[in-house]
Amino acid sequence: MLQHVHAQAAAQHQAAVHAQQLQAANAAPPPQQAAAAPLTGPLVHPHQDLNDFLESFWTRQMDGVERETPDFKTYNLPLARIKKVMKSDEEVKMISAEAPIMFSKACEIFISELTCRAWLVAEGHKRRTLQKSDVAAAIAFSDVFDFLIDIVPRDGEEAAGGGSAPAAPAEAYADDAGGDVYDYDDGEGRDGEALYSEYVQGEGEAFG
């Protein structure tokens, strides 16, 4: 009889403890989720150096890809043009349905990054108008864009074609992480090493 009473009391105590735990769990505020990176606003900010821009740019791109719900019926770039470029390679025999969609997104990111890099160059020259020379300089300062060297006009080429815009800078190739810098003059008395410090390392006054 005594054992039965003890067992019943223990069961009641356990039930009371369990009820208190449930009540405390229900009363506790829900855990706060970390604030997601904003997907709106400018991609590049005034006086932002390249390394800071690249970190924020790619964080934003990754967050956007993970959070967005893509609309596979609307594209910013024409898929027909993308397919035409893909078929220009003789080794490409067939193209899957999703391949042009992936290329379209990749092209959007590529255009955005290169435009922002060129804007940093223009801002370094205290200009608010983007020029071909800014795009050429952005390409020249990173070996990631070496495949564009023969496509973008360089020093002397644009002038020979009779263009009215300023000639693009001469070659100056440097790796983002700190590659060699070759002889280069931007026409304002600054050589390649000075511009490399401003653009890539963010040490110049123009890039704060």
Foldseek 3Di string as FASTA:
>chain_A
DVVVVVVVVVVVVVVVVVVVVVVVVVPDDDDDDDDQDDLDDDLDDFLAADVVSVVSNVSSVVSCVVPDDDDPVDAPDDLVVVVVVVVVDVVDDDDDPCVSVVVRVVVVSVVSSLVNLLCLVCLLVVHPDRDLQSSQVSLQAACVNVVCNVPRFAPPPCVVVVDPTDGHWHHWHAHLVGRDTDFTDPVPPDTRVVVNCCHRVVPDPSND
